[in-house]
Amino acid sequence: MSKQVLAHVHFLSLLISCEEEQKIALLKTMNDKQFQLLVECFLNVLCGVFPLSQSDKKKLMRYKNIIRKITDRETTRIQRKKLLLKYRNIISIIVKPILDTISK
């Protein structure tokens, strides 16, 4: 995973720091590798590979079924993309700990 993150670290950092309209455009135009990386980030946070703070865990508890749906193998790419667009506010909560770990 770290090779993928390092290859797309600028995409991830832009994704968590941009405004809503730009975030929507990025999510709509991301390529397959960026999409796969984003889903893998969700999966790694769900599995506990990257530590989350208590406040982040509280925020994500509300979206636990959405995160599970995004990481489910039976969910199609189109469904995942729609979920990511609809719940784009949780992307920054998911990606920040990963970027913090990579930057150390």
Protein backbone atom coordinates (compact mmCIF):
# COMPACT_ATOMS: atom_id res chain seq x y z
CA MET A 1 0.00 0.00 0.00
CA SER A 2 2.74 2.50 0.82
CA LYS A 3 4.02 2.49 -2.78
CA GLN A 4 0.55 3.41 -4.00
CA VAL A 5 0.18 6.09 -1.35
CA LEU A 6 3.58 7.55 -2.20
CA ALA A 7 2.68 7.58 -5.89
CA HIS A 8 -0.58 9.43 -5.21
CA VAL A 9 0.27 11.42 -2.09
CA HIS A 10 -0.41 14.71 -3.88
CA PHE A 11 -3.84 13.50 -4.97
CA LEU A 12 -4.73 12.48 -1.42
CA SER A 13 -3.44 15.69 0.13
CA LEU A 14 -5.33 17.77 -2.43
CA LEU A 15 -8.46 15.72 -1.81
CA ILE A 16 -8.49 16.50 1.91
CA SER A 17 -7.54 20.16 1.60
CA CYS A 18 -9.69 21.38 -1.29
CA GLU A 19 -13.14 22.95 -1.30
CA GLU A 20 -16.33 20.98 -1.91
CA GLU A 21 -16.72 21.79 -5.61
CA GLN A 22 -13.13 20.84 -6.32
CA LYS A 23 -13.50 17.65 -4.25
CA ILE A 24 -16.51 16.65 -6.34
CA ALA A 25 -14.56 17.26 -9.54
CA LEU A 26 -11.60 15.22 -8.26
CA LEU A 27 -13.83 12.31 -7.27
CA LYS A 28 -15.60 12.33 -10.62
CA THR A 29 -12.38 12.43 -12.65
CA MET A 30 -10.07 10.16 -10.64
CA ASN A 31 -8.47 7.30 -12.53
CA ASP A 32 -8.68 3.59 -11.62
CA LYS A 33 -5.51 3.56 -9.51
CA GLN A 34 -6.59 6.60 -7.50
CA PHE A 35 -10.03 5.04 -6.99
CA GLN A 36 -8.51 1.74 -5.88
CA LEU A 37 -6.19 3.59 -3.50
CA LEU A 38 -9.06 5.49 -1.92
CA VAL A 39 -11.08 2.31 -1.38
CA GLU A 40 -7.99 0.63 0.08
CA CYS A 41 -7.57 3.55 2.49
CA PHE A 42 -11.12 2.97 3.69
CA LEU A 43 -10.44 -0.75 4.09
CA ASN A 44 -7.21 -0.19 6.03
CA VAL A 45 -8.89 2.21 8.43
CA LEU A 46 -11.80 -0.21 8.84
CA CYS A 47 -9.38 -3.06 9.63
CA GLY A 48 -7.43 -0.92 12.10
CA VAL A 49 -4.16 -0.75 10.17
CA PHE A 50 -3.97 3.01 10.72
CA PRO A 51 -4.79 4.38 14.17
CA LEU A 52 -7.63 6.86 14.58
CA SER A 53 -8.15 9.30 17.41
CA GLN A 54 -11.19 8.88 19.63
CA SER A 55 -12.84 11.95 18.12
CA ASP A 56 -12.35 10.59 14.61
CA LYS A 57 -13.79 7.24 15.66
CA LYS A 58 -16.85 8.99 17.07
CA LYS A 59 -17.34 10.90 13.83
CA LEU A 60 -17.01 7.74 11.75
CA MET A 61 -19.34 5.62 13.91
CA ARG A 62 -22.22 7.40 12.22
CA TYR A 63 -20.99 6.19 8.82
CA LYS A 64 -19.92 2.64 9.72
CA ASN A 65 -22.39 0.98 7.35
CA ILE A 66 -21.38 3.31 4.52
CA ILE A 67 -17.69 2.50 5.06
CA ARG A 68 -18.50 -1.22 5.08
CA LYS A 69 -20.50 -0.82 1.88
CA ILE A 70 -17.63 1.03 0.17
CA THR A 71 -15.16 -1.70 1.12
CA ASP A 72 -17.50 -4.60 0.28
CA ARG A 73 -16.34 -6.69 -2.69
CA GLU A 74 -19.88 -7.11 -3.96
CA THR A 75 -20.39 -3.36 -4.31
CA THR A 76 -19.79 -2.24 -7.87
CA ARG A 77 -17.43 0.56 -8.85
CA ILE A 78 -20.34 2.79 -9.83
CA GLN A 79 -22.06 2.26 -6.48
CA ARG A 80 -18.80 2.98 -4.62
CA LYS A 81 -18.24 6.14 -6.60
CA LYS A 82 -21.78 7.33 -5.84
CA LEU A 83 -21.24 6.62 -2.14
CA LEU A 84 -17.91 8.47 -2.16
CA LEU A 85 -19.55 11.46 -3.83
CA LYS A 86 -22.50 11.44 -1.45
CA TYR A 87 -20.42 11.00 1.71
CA ARG A 88 -17.34 12.96 0.64
CA ASN A 89 -17.07 14.61 4.06
CA ILE A 90 -15.70 11.39 5.61
CA ILE A 91 -12.83 11.14 3.12
CA SER A 92 -10.72 13.67 5.01
CA ILE A 93 -11.26 11.81 8.30
CA ILE A 94 -10.14 8.56 6.64
CA VAL A 95 -7.16 9.92 4.69
CA LYS A 96 -5.57 12.27 7.27
CA PRO A 97 -4.18 9.52 9.56
CA ILE A 98 -2.74 7.73 6.53
CA LEU A 99 -0.95 10.84 5.31
CA ASP A 100 0.27 11.56 8.85
CA THR A 101 1.73 8.06 9.10
CA ILE A 102 3.39 8.33 5.69
CA SER A 103 4.89 11.75 6.48
CA LYS A 104 6.61 10.45 9.65
